[in-house]
Amino acid sequence: MSSQPSPFAETPEPPYFVVTFSSQRTGEESGYLEMGGAMVELAQQQPGYLGFESARTASGFGIINSYWKDEASILAWKAVVDHVEAQRRGRSDWYSRYEIRVALVQRAYGFDKTAATKGD
């Protein structure tokens, strides 16, 4: 049995919101991992935060989905001072391009083979 946390966010029944952050890294590494870790910890402390999932390719393209209870929680997170600084550093140092999309999740479903076979 693995002690690694699941890369899948555990979200409640819909509706809730997702913020999708698609980005292309510049290759600049100075401070990136530290800031990323700090932002994960800070986001987890915010009212309305539900979880996140992320993936990045070897070429530097990545997607982060963060899940939120409502739009007010998303707007509050966007304005947190340390997050504003991370956004500034992202534009100046770490990303050559990014796109942010905000959507309401109305339906969610999935499959987990390991859960389906537990107890068999």
PDB file of N, CA and C in Angstrom:
ATOM      1  N   MET A   1       0.845  -1.184   0.000  1.00  0.00           N
ATOM      2  CA  MET A   1       0.000   0.000   0.000  1.00  0.00           C
ATOM      3  C   MET A   1       0.889   1.245   0.000  1.00  0.00           C
ATOM      4  N   SER A   2       0.571   2.205  -0.837  1.00  0.00           N
ATOM      5  CA  SER A   2       1.369   3.425  -0.987  1.00  0.00           C
ATOM      6  C   SER A   2       1.027   4.433   0.100  1.00  0.00           C
ATOM      7  N   SER A   3       2.077   5.109   0.620  1.00  0.00           N
ATOM      8  CA  SER A   3       1.842   6.154   1.615  1.00  0.00           C
ATOM      9  C   SER A   3       1.777   7.526   0.954  1.00  0.00           C
ATOM     10  N   GLN A   4       1.942   7.571  -0.378  1.00  0.00           N
ATOM     11  CA  GLN A   4       1.876   8.834  -1.104  1.00  0.00           C
ATOM     12  C   GLN A   4       0.434   9.336  -1.125  1.00  0.00           C
ATOM     13  N   PRO A   5       0.255  10.649  -0.962  1.00  0.00           N
ATOM     14  CA  PRO A   5      -1.103  11.188  -1.082  1.00  0.00           C
ATOM     15  C   PRO A   5      -1.596  11.051  -2.523  1.00  0.00           C
ATOM     16  N   SER A   6      -2.885  10.924  -2.685  1.00  0.00           N
ATOM     17  CA  SER A   6      -3.464  10.808  -4.017  1.00  0.00           C
ATOM     18  C   SER A   6      -3.274  12.107  -4.792  1.00  0.00           C
ATOM     19  N   PRO A   7      -2.972  12.022  -6.089  1.00  0.00           N
ATOM     20  CA  PRO A   7      -2.882  13.235  -6.902  1.00  0.00           C
ATOM     21  C   PRO A   7      -4.262  13.793  -7.256  1.00  0.00           C
ATOM     22  N   PHE A   8      -5.315  13.047  -6.921  1.00  0.00           N
ATOM     23  CA  PHE A   8      -6.679  13.483  -7.202  1.00  0.00           C
ATOM     24  C   PHE A   8      -7.231  14.293  -6.032  1.00  0.00           C
ATOM     25  N   ALA A   9      -7.855  15.421  -6.330  1.00  0.00           N
ATOM     26  CA  ALA A   9      -8.512  16.219  -5.291  1.00  0.00           C
ATOM     27  C   ALA A   9      -9.792  15.509  -4.861  1.00  0.00           C
ATOM     28  N   GLU A  10     -10.086  15.588  -3.584  1.00  0.00           N
ATOM     29  CA  GLU A  10     -11.345  15.050  -3.084  1.00  0.00           C
ATOM     30  C   GLU A  10     -12.313  16.211  -2.975  1.00  0.00           C
ATOM     31  N   THR A  11     -13.308  16.221  -3.848  1.00  0.00           N
ATOM     32  CA  THR A  11     -14.259  17.325  -3.910  1.00  0.00           C
ATOM     33  C   THR A  11     -15.629  16.864  -3.435  1.00  0.00           C
ATOM     34  N   PRO A  12     -16.453  17.806  -2.988  1.00  0.00           N
ATOM     35  CA  PRO A  12     -17.806  17.452  -2.566  1.00  0.00           C
ATOM     36  C   PRO A  12     -18.702  17.222  -3.784  1.00  0.00           C
ATOM     37  N   GLU A  13     -19.929  16.876  -3.535  1.00  0.00           N
ATOM     38  CA  GLU A  13     -20.899  16.790  -4.622  1.00  0.00           C
ATOM     39  C   GLU A  13     -21.054  18.180  -5.237  1.00  0.00           C
ATOM     40  N   PRO A  14     -21.177  18.265  -6.559  1.00  0.00           N
ATOM     41  CA  PRO A  14     -21.400  19.562  -7.203  1.00  0.00           C
ATOM     42  C   PRO A  14     -22.712  20.176  -6.719  1.00  0.00           C
ATOM     43  N   PRO A  15     -22.832  21.474  -6.856  1.00  0.00           N
ATOM     44  CA  PRO A  15     -21.973  22.377  -7.621  1.00  0.00           C
ATOM     45  C   PRO A  15     -20.825  22.938  -6.785  1.00  0.00           C
ATOM     46  N   TYR A  16     -19.728  23.205  -7.462  1.00  0.00           N
ATOM     47  CA  TYR A  16     -18.574  23.926  -6.929  1.00  0.00           C
ATOM     48  C   TYR A  16     -17.834  24.493  -8.132  1.00  0.00           C
ATOM     49  N   PHE A  17     -16.788  25.252  -7.895  1.00  0.00           N
ATOM     50  CA  PHE A  17     -16.065  25.910  -8.984  1.00  0.00           C
ATOM     51  C   PHE A  17     -14.680  25.302  -9.170  1.00  0.00           C
ATOM     52  N   VAL A  18     -14.191  25.386 -10.404  1.00  0.00           N
ATOM     53  CA  VAL A  18     -12.820  25.000 -10.726  1.00  0.00           C
ATOM     54  C   VAL A  18     -12.139  26.182 -11.406  1.00  0.00           C
ATOM     55  N   VAL A  19     -10.907  26.443 -10.982  1.00  0.00           N
ATOM     56  CA  VAL A  19     -10.040  27.406 -11.655  1.00  0.00           C
ATOM     57  C   VAL A  19      -8.949  26.589 -12.335  1.00  0.00           C
ATOM     58  N   THR A  20      -8.882  26.665 -13.651  1.00  0.00           N
ATOM     59  CA  THR A  20      -7.870  25.950 -14.420  1.00  0.00           C
ATOM     60  C   THR A  20      -6.785  26.929 -14.829  1.00  0.00           C
ATOM     61  N   PHE A  21      -5.565  26.642 -14.392  1.00  0.00           N
ATOM     62  CA  PHE A  21      -4.397  27.471 -14.697  1.00  0.00           C
ATOM     63  C   PHE A  21      -3.497  26.662 -15.618  1.00  0.00           C
ATOM     64  N   SER A  22      -3.506  26.991 -16.904  1.00  0.00           N
ATOM     65  CA  SER A  22      -2.646  26.334 -17.895  1.00  0.00           C
ATOM     66  C   SER A  22      -1.456  27.243 -18.129  1.00  0.00           C
ATOM     67  N   SER A  23      -0.244  26.683 -18.103  1.00  0.00           N
ATOM     68  CA  SER A  23       0.934  27.550 -18.193  1.00  0.00           C
ATOM     69  C   SER A  23       2.076  26.892 -18.944  1.00  0.00           C
ATOM     70  N   GLN A  24       2.935  27.750 -19.469  1.00  0.00           N
ATOM     71  CA  GLN A  24       4.189  27.318 -20.071  1.00  0.00           C
ATOM     72  C   GLN A  24       5.310  27.957 -19.274  1.00  0.00           C
ATOM     73  N   ARG A  25       6.183  27.142 -18.706  1.00  0.00           N
ATOM     74  CA  ARG A  25       7.301  27.636 -17.903  1.00  0.00           C
ATOM     75  C   ARG A  25       8.394  28.208 -18.790  1.00  0.00           C
ATOM     76  N   THR A  26       9.159  29.154 -18.245  1.00  0.00           N
ATOM     77  CA  THR A  26      10.298  29.746 -18.950  1.00  0.00           C
ATOM     78  C   THR A  26      11.566  28.923 -18.792  1.00  0.00           C
ATOM     79  N   GLY A  27      11.640  28.117 -17.762  1.00  0.00           N
ATOM     80  CA  GLY A  27      12.864  27.391 -17.442  1.00  0.00           C
ATOM     81  C   GLY A  27      13.581  28.001 -16.253  1.00  0.00           C
ATOM     82  N   GLU A  28      13.197  29.207 -15.856  1.00  0.00           N
ATOM     83  CA  GLU A  28      13.767  29.855 -14.664  1.00  0.00           C
ATOM     84  C   GLU A  28      13.271  29.100 -13.435  1.00  0.00           C
ATOM     85  N   GLU A  29      14.201  28.658 -12.583  1.00  0.00           N
ATOM     86  CA  GLU A  29      13.839  27.855 -11.415  1.00  0.00           C
ATOM     87  C   GLU A  29      13.957  28.607 -10.096  1.00  0.00           C
ATOM     88  N   SER A  30      14.663  29.709 -10.068  1.00  0.00           N
ATOM     89  CA  SER A  30      14.964  30.414  -8.823  1.00  0.00           C
ATOM     90  C   SER A  30      13.697  30.782  -8.048  1.00  0.00           C
ATOM     91  N   GLY A  31      13.506  30.098  -6.927  1.00  0.00           N
ATOM     92  CA  GLY A  31      12.391  30.388  -6.036  1.00  0.00           C
ATOM     93  C   GLY A  31      11.069  29.756  -6.417  1.00  0.00           C
ATOM     94  N   TYR A  32      11.011  29.081  -7.562  1.00  0.00           N
ATOM     95  CA  TYR A  32       9.733  28.548  -8.051  1.00  0.00           C
ATOM     96  C   TYR A  32       9.152  27.476  -7.128  1.00  0.00           C
ATOM     97  N   LEU A  33       9.936  26.474  -6.792  1.00  0.00           N
ATOM     98  CA  LEU A  33       9.426  25.385  -5.953  1.00  0.00           C
ATOM     99  C   LEU A  33       9.031  25.878  -4.568  1.00  0.00           C
ATOM    100  N   GLU A  34       9.836  26.777  -4.010  1.00  0.00           N
ATOM    101  CA  GLU A  34       9.518  27.320  -2.683  1.00  0.00           C
ATOM    102  C   GLU A  34       8.204  28.098  -2.721  1.00  0.00           C
ATOM    103  N   MET A  35       8.044  28.939  -3.747  1.00  0.00           N
ATOM    104  CA  MET A  35       6.812  29.721  -3.857  1.00  0.00           C
ATOM    105  C   MET A  35       5.619  28.807  -4.099  1.00  0.00           C
ATOM    106  N   GLY A  36       5.794  27.804  -4.945  1.00  0.00           N
ATOM    107  CA  GLY A  36       4.707  26.870  -5.209  1.00  0.00           C
ATOM    108  C   GLY A  36       4.245  26.158  -3.948  1.00  0.00           C
ATOM    109  N   GLY A  37       5.192  25.681  -3.154  1.00  0.00           N
ATOM    110  CA  GLY A  37       4.847  25.025  -1.894  1.00  0.00           C
ATOM    111  C   GLY A  37       4.147  25.964  -0.933  1.00  0.00           C
ATOM    112  N   ALA A  38       4.636  27.193  -0.857  1.00  0.00           N
ATOM    113  CA  ALA A  38       4.020  28.191   0.026  1.00  0.00           C
ATOM    114  C   ALA A  38       2.594  28.504  -0.425  1.00  0.00           C
ATOM    115  N   MET A  39       2.364  28.568  -1.742  1.00  0.00           N
ATOM    116  CA  MET A  39       1.024  28.873  -2.252  1.00  0.00           C
ATOM    117  C   MET A  39       0.054  27.731  -1.982  1.00  0.00           C
ATOM    118  N   VAL A  40       0.521  26.486  -2.079  1.00  0.00           N
ATOM    119  CA  VAL A  40      -0.344  25.348  -1.757  1.00  0.00           C
ATOM    120  C   VAL A  40      -0.767  25.432  -0.296  1.00  0.00           C
ATOM    121  N   GLU A  41       0.198  25.654   0.598  1.00  0.00           N
ATOM    122  CA  GLU A  41      -0.117  25.762   2.030  1.00  0.00           C
ATOM    123  C   GLU A  41      -1.064  26.921   2.307  1.00  0.00           C
ATOM    124  N   LEU A  42      -0.819  28.062   1.684  1.00  0.00           N
ATOM    125  CA  LEU A  42      -1.660  29.238   1.898  1.00  0.00           C
ATOM    126  C   LEU A  42      -3.068  29.022   1.345  1.00  0.00           C
ATOM    127  N   ALA A  43      -3.173  28.435   0.166  1.00  0.00           N
ATOM    128  CA  ALA A  43      -4.491  28.176  -0.426  1.00  0.00           C
ATOM    129  C   ALA A  43      -5.317  27.262   0.472  1.00  0.00           C
ATOM    130  N   GLN A  44      -4.668  26.255   1.056  1.00  0.00           N
ATOM    131  CA  GLN A  44      -5.375  25.309   1.918  1.00  0.00           C
ATOM    132  C   GLN A  44      -5.982  25.983   3.143  1.00  0.00           C
ATOM    133  N   GLN A  45      -5.477  27.138   3.513  1.00  0.00           N
ATOM    134  CA  GLN A  45      -5.980  27.872   4.676  1.00  0.00           C
ATOM    135  C   GLN A  45      -7.132  28.813   4.330  1.00  0.00           C
ATOM    136  N   GLN A  46      -7.427  28.973   3.044  1.00  0.00           N
ATOM    137  CA  GLN A  46      -8.427  29.949   2.623  1.00  0.00           C
ATOM    138  C   GLN A  46      -9.840  29.396   2.747  1.00  0.00           C
ATOM    139  N   PRO A  47     -10.774  30.232   3.203  1.00  0.00           N
ATOM    140  CA  PRO A  47     -12.177  29.813   3.233  1.00  0.00           C
ATOM    141  C   PRO A  47     -12.652  29.451   1.823  1.00  0.00           C
ATOM    142  N   GLY A  48     -13.342  28.344   1.706  1.00  0.00           N
ATOM    143  CA  GLY A  48     -13.895  27.927   0.426  1.00  0.00           C
ATOM    144  C   GLY A  48     -12.986  27.060  -0.421  1.00  0.00           C
ATOM    145  N   TYR A  49     -11.727  26.873  -0.006  1.00  0.00           N
ATOM    146  CA  TYR A  49     -10.792  26.036  -0.761  1.00  0.00           C
ATOM    147  C   TYR A  49     -11.183  24.569  -0.604  1.00  0.00           C
ATOM    148  N   LEU A  50     -11.206  23.819  -1.715  1.00  0.00           N
ATOM    149  CA  LEU A  50     -11.596  22.412  -1.675  1.00  0.00           C
ATOM    150  C   LEU A  50     -10.465  21.448  -2.031  1.00  0.00           C
ATOM    151  N   GLY A  51      -9.493  21.890  -2.828  1.00  0.00           N
ATOM    152  CA  GLY A  51      -8.406  21.001  -3.218  1.00  0.00           C
ATOM    153  C   GLY A  51      -7.809  21.421  -4.546  1.00  0.00           C
ATOM    154  N   PHE A  52      -6.762  20.674  -4.980  1.00  0.00           N
ATOM    155  CA  PHE A  52      -6.144  20.967  -6.271  1.00  0.00           C
ATOM    156  C   PHE A  52      -5.530  19.706  -6.864  1.00  0.00           C
ATOM    157  N   GLU A  53      -5.310  19.765  -8.172  1.00  0.00           N
ATOM    158  CA  GLU A  53      -4.614  18.727  -8.920  1.00  0.00           C
ATOM    159  C   GLU A  53      -3.665  19.431  -9.874  1.00  0.00           C
ATOM    160  N   SER A  54      -2.497  18.837 -10.110  1.00  0.00           N
ATOM    161  CA  SER A  54      -1.574  19.474 -11.052  1.00  0.00           C
ATOM    162  C   SER A  54      -0.761  18.439 -11.805  1.00  0.00           C
ATOM    163  N   ALA A  55      -0.335  18.836 -12.993  1.00  0.00           N
ATOM    164  CA  ALA A  55       0.530  18.003 -13.828  1.00  0.00           C
ATOM    165  C   ALA A  55       1.371  18.928 -14.697  1.00  0.00           C
ATOM    166  N   ARG A  56       2.603  18.487 -14.997  1.00  0.00           N
ATOM    167  CA  ARG A  56       3.487  19.277 -15.854  1.00  0.00           C
ATOM    168  C   ARG A  56       4.287  18.325 -16.731  1.00  0.00           C
ATOM    169  N   THR A  57       4.436  18.695 -18.003  1.00  0.00           N
ATOM    170  CA  THR A  57       5.222  17.887 -18.936  1.00  0.00           C
ATOM    171  C   THR A  57       6.695  18.262 -18.847  1.00  0.00           C
ATOM    172  N   ALA A  58       7.543  17.443 -19.438  1.00  0.00           N
ATOM    173  CA  ALA A  58       8.982  17.721 -19.462  1.00  0.00           C
ATOM    174  C   ALA A  58       9.295  19.002 -20.228  1.00  0.00           C
ATOM    175  N   SER A  59       8.423  19.395 -21.157  1.00  0.00           N
ATOM    176  CA  SER A  59       8.645  20.622 -21.932  1.00  0.00           C
ATOM    177  C   SER A  59       8.223  21.877 -21.173  1.00  0.00           C
ATOM    178  N   GLY A  60       7.653  21.692 -19.958  1.00  0.00           N
ATOM    179  CA  GLY A  60       7.292  22.836 -19.131  1.00  0.00           C
ATOM    180  C   GLY A  60       5.845  23.269 -19.215  1.00  0.00           C
ATOM    181  N   PHE A  61       5.014  22.583 -20.022  1.00  0.00           N
ATOM    182  CA  PHE A  61       3.592  22.906 -20.061  1.00  0.00           C
ATOM    183  C   PHE A  61       2.918  22.240 -18.873  1.00  0.00           C
ATOM    184  N   GLY A  62       2.085  22.997 -18.153  1.00  0.00           N
ATOM    185  CA  GLY A  62       1.416  22.436 -16.991  1.00  0.00           C
ATOM    186  C   GLY A  62      -0.009  22.911 -16.843  1.00  0.00           C
ATOM    187  N   ILE A  63      -0.769  22.152 -16.085  1.00  0.00           N
ATOM    188  CA  ILE A  63      -2.151  22.505 -15.765  1.00  0.00           C
ATOM    189  C   ILE A  63      -2.359  22.279 -14.277  1.00  0.00           C
ATOM    190  N   ILE A  64      -2.921  23.278 -13.624  1.00  0.00           N
ATOM    191  CA  ILE A  64      -3.331  23.159 -12.228  1.00  0.00           C
ATOM    192  C   ILE A  64      -4.824  23.432 -12.176  1.00  0.00           C
ATOM    193  N   ASN A  65      -5.571  22.514 -11.592  1.00  0.00           N
ATOM    194  CA  ASN A  65      -6.989  22.733 -11.319  1.00  0.00           C
ATOM    195  C   ASN A  65      -7.125  22.956  -9.824  1.00  0.00           C
ATOM    196  N   SER A  66      -7.664  24.099  -9.439  1.00  0.00           N
ATOM    197  CA  SER A  66      -7.975  24.300  -8.022  1.00  0.00           C
ATOM    198  C   SER A  66      -9.488  24.391  -7.896  1.00  0.00           C
ATOM    199  N   TYR A  67     -10.001  23.818  -6.819  1.00  0.00           N
ATOM    200  CA  TYR A  67     -11.439  23.690  -6.622  1.00  0.00           C
ATOM    201  C   TYR A  67     -11.872  24.555  -5.445  1.00  0.00           C
ATOM    202  N   TRP A  68     -13.007  25.243  -5.634  1.00  0.00           N
ATOM    203  CA  TRP A  68     -13.478  26.232  -4.666  1.00  0.00           C
ATOM    204  C   TRP A  68     -14.984  26.114  -4.470  1.00  0.00           C
ATOM    205  N   LYS A  69     -15.420  26.457  -3.279  1.00  0.00           N
ATOM    206  CA  LYS A  69     -16.836  26.394  -2.917  1.00  0.00           C
ATOM    207  C   LYS A  69     -17.673  27.348  -3.758  1.00  0.00           C
ATOM    208  N   ASP A  70     -17.155  28.565  -3.978  1.00  0.00           N
ATOM    209  CA  ASP A  70     -17.939  29.584  -4.675  1.00  0.00           C
ATOM    210  C   ASP A  70     -17.022  30.633  -5.300  1.00  0.00           C
ATOM    211  N   GLU A  71     -17.609  31.504  -6.108  1.00  0.00           N
ATOM    212  CA  GLU A  71     -16.826  32.537  -6.785  1.00  0.00           C
ATOM    213  C   GLU A  71     -16.236  33.543  -5.813  1.00  0.00           C
ATOM    214  N   ALA A  72     -16.946  33.835  -4.735  1.00  0.00           N
ATOM    215  CA  ALA A  72     -16.424  34.781  -3.742  1.00  0.00           C
ATOM    216  C   ALA A  72     -15.106  34.269  -3.153  1.00  0.00           C
ATOM    217  N   SER A  73     -15.001  32.972  -2.917  1.00  0.00           N
ATOM    218  CA  SER A  73     -13.760  32.387  -2.390  1.00  0.00           C
ATOM    219  C   SER A  73     -12.620  32.528  -3.393  1.00  0.00           C
ATOM    220  N   ILE A  74     -12.924  32.354  -4.671  1.00  0.00           N
ATOM    221  CA  ILE A  74     -11.910  32.501  -5.723  1.00  0.00           C
ATOM    222  C   ILE A  74     -11.402  33.936  -5.769  1.00  0.00           C
ATOM    223  N   LEU A  75     -12.308  34.891  -5.744  1.00  0.00           N
ATOM    224  CA  LEU A  75     -11.917  36.303  -5.798  1.00  0.00           C
ATOM    225  C   LEU A  75     -11.116  36.701  -4.566  1.00  0.00           C
ATOM    226  N   ALA A  76     -11.484  36.168  -3.404  1.00  0.00           N
ATOM    227  CA  ALA A  76     -10.731  36.470  -2.181  1.00  0.00           C
ATOM    228  C   ALA A  76      -9.313  35.907  -2.285  1.00  0.00           C
ATOM    229  N   TRP A  77      -9.168  34.683  -2.795  1.00  0.00           N
ATOM    230  CA  TRP A  77      -7.844  34.072  -2.963  1.00  0.00           C
ATOM    231  C   TRP A  77      -6.994  34.884  -3.936  1.00  0.00           C
ATOM    232  N   LYS A  78      -7.587  35.342  -5.014  1.00  0.00           N
ATOM    233  CA  LYS A  78      -6.848  36.128  -6.012  1.00  0.00           C
ATOM    234  C   LYS A  78      -6.252  37.389  -5.398  1.00  0.00           C
ATOM    235  N   ALA A  79      -6.897  37.923  -4.355  1.00  0.00           N
ATOM    236  CA  ALA A  79      -6.468  39.182  -3.738  1.00  0.00           C
ATOM    237  C   ALA A  79      -5.543  39.008  -2.533  1.00  0.00           C
ATOM    238  N   VAL A  80      -5.288  37.776  -2.073  1.00  0.00           N
ATOM    239  CA  VAL A  80      -4.395  37.558  -0.926  1.00  0.00           C
ATOM    240  C   VAL A  80      -3.005  38.092  -1.277  1.00  0.00           C
ATOM    241  N   VAL A  81      -2.441  38.909  -0.401  1.00  0.00           N
ATOM    242  CA  VAL A  81      -1.199  39.637  -0.689  1.00  0.00           C
ATOM    243  C   VAL A  81      -0.074  38.714  -1.157  1.00  0.00           C
ATOM    244  N   ASP A  82       0.168  37.617  -0.468  1.00  0.00           N
ATOM    245  CA  ASP A  82       1.250  36.710  -0.868  1.00  0.00           C
ATOM    246  C   ASP A  82       0.970  36.067  -2.226  1.00  0.00           C
ATOM    247  N   HIS A  83      -0.306  35.823  -2.519  1.00  0.00           N
ATOM    248  CA  HIS A  83      -0.675  35.266  -3.818  1.00  0.00           C
ATOM    249  C   HIS A  83      -0.476  36.310  -4.919  1.00  0.00           C
ATOM    250  N   VAL A  84      -0.772  37.558  -4.625  1.00  0.00           N
ATOM    251  CA  VAL A  84      -0.525  38.641  -5.589  1.00  0.00           C
ATOM    252  C   VAL A  84       0.964  38.702  -5.929  1.00  0.00           C
ATOM    253  N   GLU A  85       1.826  38.549  -4.926  1.00  0.00           N
ATOM    254  CA  GLU A  85       3.273  38.547  -5.166  1.00  0.00           C
ATOM    255  C   GLU A  85       3.680  37.339  -6.014  1.00  0.00           C
ATOM    256  N   ALA A  86       3.087  36.177  -5.756  1.00  0.00           N
ATOM    257  CA  ALA A  86       3.385  34.989  -6.563  1.00  0.00           C
ATOM    258  C   ALA A  86       2.962  35.214  -8.017  1.00  0.00           C
ATOM    259  N   GLN A  87       1.827  35.868  -8.210  1.00  0.00           N
ATOM    260  CA  GLN A  87       1.373  36.179  -9.568  1.00  0.00           C
ATOM    261  C   GLN A  87       2.373  37.104 -10.268  1.00  0.00           C
ATOM    262  N   ARG A  88       2.869  38.089  -9.558  1.00  0.00           N
ATOM    263  CA  ARG A  88       3.841  39.026 -10.124  1.00  0.00           C
ATOM    264  C   ARG A  88       5.115  38.288 -10.532  1.00  0.00           C
ATOM    265  N   ARG A  89       5.610  37.432  -9.624  1.00  0.00           N
ATOM    266  CA  ARG A  89       6.828  36.658  -9.924  1.00  0.00           C
ATOM    267  C   ARG A  89       6.599  35.706 -11.096  1.00  0.00           C
ATOM    268  N   GLY A  90       5.415  35.142 -11.163  1.00  0.00           N
ATOM    269  CA  GLY A  90       5.099  34.255 -12.280  1.00  0.00           C
ATOM    270  C   GLY A  90       5.204  34.966 -13.611  1.00  0.00           C
ATOM    271  N   ARG A  91       4.639  36.163 -13.679  1.00  0.00           N
ATOM    272  CA  ARG A  91       4.694  36.937 -14.926  1.00  0.00           C
ATOM    273  C   ARG A  91       6.111  37.391 -15.252  1.00  0.00           C
ATOM    274  N   SER A  92       6.875  37.780 -14.233  1.00  0.00           N
ATOM    275  CA  SER A  92       8.214  38.324 -14.500  1.00  0.00           C
ATOM    276  C   SER A  92       9.273  37.240 -14.689  1.00  0.00           C
ATOM    277  N   ASP A  93       9.118  36.079 -14.035  1.00  0.00           N
ATOM    278  CA  ASP A  93      10.201  35.092 -14.005  1.00  0.00           C
ATOM    279  C   ASP A  93       9.853  33.706 -14.543  1.00  0.00           C
ATOM    280  N   TRP A  94       8.737  33.146 -14.154  1.00  0.00           N
ATOM    281  CA  TRP A  94       8.524  31.713 -14.306  1.00  0.00           C
ATOM    282  C   TRP A  94       7.693  31.272 -15.504  1.00  0.00           C
ATOM    283  N   TYR A  95       6.835  32.127 -16.023  1.00  0.00           N
ATOM    284  CA  TYR A  95       5.932  31.721 -17.104  1.00  0.00           C
ATOM    285  C   TYR A  95       6.144  32.566 -18.350  1.00  0.00           C
ATOM    286  N   SER A  96       6.157  31.907 -19.505  1.00  0.00           N
ATOM    287  CA  SER A  96       6.172  32.640 -20.768  1.00  0.00           C
ATOM    288  C   SER A  96       4.743  32.888 -21.247  1.00  0.00           C
ATOM    289  N   ARG A  97       3.814  32.087 -20.748  1.00  0.00           N
ATOM    290  CA  ARG A  97       2.402  32.256 -21.096  1.00  0.00           C
ATOM    291  C   ARG A  97       1.561  31.509 -20.071  1.00  0.00           C
ATOM    292  N   TYR A  98       0.374  32.047 -19.804  1.00  0.00           N
ATOM    293  CA  TYR A  98      -0.604  31.285 -19.028  1.00  0.00           C
ATOM    294  C   TYR A  98      -2.012  31.700 -19.401  1.00  0.00           C
ATOM    295  N   GLU A  99      -2.946  30.816 -19.127  1.00  0.00           N
ATOM    296  CA  GLU A  99      -4.374  31.049 -19.332  1.00  0.00           C
ATOM    297  C   GLU A  99      -5.083  30.589 -18.068  1.00  0.00           C
ATOM    298  N   ILE A 100      -6.056  31.379 -17.637  1.00  0.00           N
ATOM    299  CA  ILE A 100      -6.865  31.017 -16.474  1.00  0.00           C
ATOM    300  C   ILE A 100      -8.317  30.938 -16.921  1.00  0.00           C
ATOM    301  N   ARG A 101      -8.953  29.860 -16.530  1.00  0.00           N
ATOM    302  CA  ARG A 101     -10.367  29.667 -16.845  1.00  0.00           C
ATOM    303  C   ARG A 101     -11.089  29.307 -15.559  1.00  0.00           C
ATOM    304  N   VAL A 102     -12.251  29.901 -15.359  1.00  0.00           N
ATOM    305  CA  VAL A 102     -13.059  29.645 -14.165  1.00  0.00           C
ATOM    306  C   VAL A 102     -14.390  29.061 -14.632  1.00  0.00           C
ATOM    307  N   ALA A 103     -14.791  27.945 -14.026  1.00  0.00           N
ATOM    308  CA  ALA A 103     -16.026  27.289 -14.456  1.00  0.00           C
ATOM    309  C   ALA A 103     -16.779  26.718 -13.263  1.00  0.00           C
ATOM    310  N   LEU A 104     -18.072  26.620 -13.423  1.00  0.00           N
ATOM    311  CA  LEU A 104     -18.934  25.969 -12.447  1.00  0.00           C
ATOM    312  C   LEU A 104     -19.015  24.485 -12.795  1.00  0.00           C
ATOM    313  N   VAL A 105     -18.675  23.640 -11.845  1.00  0.00           N
ATOM    314  CA  VAL A 105     -18.803  22.192 -12.031  1.00  0.00           C
ATOM    315  C   VAL A 105     -20.227  21.817 -11.642  1.00  0.00           C
ATOM    316  N   GLN A 106     -20.970  21.321 -12.612  1.00  0.00           N
ATOM    317  CA  GLN A 106     -22.359  20.943 -12.355  1.00  0.00           C
ATOM    318  C   GLN A 106     -22.526  19.438 -12.194  1.00  0.00           C
ATOM    319  N   ARG A 107     -21.565  18.694 -12.731  1.00  0.00           N
ATOM    320  CA  ARG A 107     -21.632  17.240 -12.659  1.00  0.00           C
ATOM    321  C   ARG A 107     -20.203  16.718 -12.581  1.00  0.00           C
ATOM    322  N   ALA A 108     -19.981  15.685 -11.789  1.00  0.00           N
ATOM    323  CA  ALA A 108     -18.651  15.085 -11.667  1.00  0.00           C
ATOM    324  C   ALA A 108     -18.817  13.588 -11.419  1.00  0.00           C
ATOM    325  N   TYR A 109     -18.004  12.804 -12.104  1.00  0.00           N
ATOM    326  CA  TYR A 109     -18.033  11.357 -11.905  1.00  0.00           C
ATOM    327  C   TYR A 109     -16.691  10.789 -12.315  1.00  0.00           C
ATOM    328  N   GLY A 110     -16.400   9.556 -11.924  1.00  0.00           N
ATOM    329  CA  GLY A 110     -15.110   8.972 -12.245  1.00  0.00           C
ATOM    330  C   GLY A 110     -15.097   7.476 -12.021  1.00  0.00           C
ATOM    331  N   PHE A 111     -13.909   6.922 -12.055  1.00  0.00           N
ATOM    332  CA  PHE A 111     -13.687   5.495 -11.882  1.00  0.00           C
ATOM    333  C   PHE A 111     -12.391   5.309 -11.116  1.00  0.00           C
ATOM    334  N   ASP A 112     -12.381   4.386 -10.185  1.00  0.00           N
ATOM    335  CA  ASP A 112     -11.182   4.066  -9.415  1.00  0.00           C
ATOM    336  C   ASP A 112     -11.090   2.548  -9.312  1.00  0.00           C
ATOM    337  N   LYS A 113     -10.243   1.956 -10.109  1.00  0.00           N
ATOM    338  CA  LYS A 113     -10.113   0.496 -10.141  1.00  0.00           C
ATOM    339  C   LYS A 113      -9.694  -0.060  -8.788  1.00  0.00           C
ATOM    340  N   THR A 114      -8.815   0.656  -8.073  1.00  0.00           N
ATOM    341  CA  THR A 114      -8.368   0.160  -6.770  1.00  0.00           C
ATOM    342  C   THR A 114      -9.510   0.156  -5.765  1.00  0.00           C
ATOM    343  N   ALA A 115     -10.386   1.138  -5.820  1.00  0.00           N
ATOM    344  CA  ALA A 115     -11.533   1.175  -4.908  1.00  0.00           C
ATOM    345  C   ALA A 115     -12.547   0.106  -5.296  1.00  0.00           C
ATOM    346  N   ALA A 116     -12.689  -0.160  -6.590  1.00  0.00           N
ATOM    347  CA  ALA A 116     -13.658  -1.139  -7.070  1.00  0.00           C
ATOM    348  C   ALA A 116     -13.272  -2.562  -6.681  1.00  0.00           C
ATOM    349  N   THR A 117     -11.978  -2.809  -6.446  1.00  0.00           N
ATOM    350  CA  THR A 117     -11.537  -4.168  -6.127  1.00  0.00           C
ATOM    351  C   THR A 117     -11.206  -4.362  -4.656  1.00  0.00           C
ATOM    352  N   LYS A 118     -11.349  -3.343  -3.848  1.00  0.00           N
ATOM    353  CA  LYS A 118     -11.059  -3.506  -2.417  1.00  0.00           C
ATOM    354  C   LYS A 118     -11.995  -4.550  -1.826  1.00  0.00           C
ATOM    355  N   GLY A 119     -11.420  -5.439  -1.050  1.00  0.00           N
ATOM    356  CA  GLY A 119     -12.212  -6.460  -0.387  1.00  0.00           C
ATOM    357  C   GLY A 119     -12.454  -7.696  -1.239  1.00  0.00           C
ATOM    358  N   ASP A 120     -12.040  -7.667  -2.506  1.00  0.00           N
ATOM    359  CA  ASP A 120     -12.222  -8.836  -3.384  1.00  0.00           C
ATOM    360  C   ASP A 120     -11.116  -9.841  -3.175  1.00  0.00           C
TER     361      ASP A 120
END
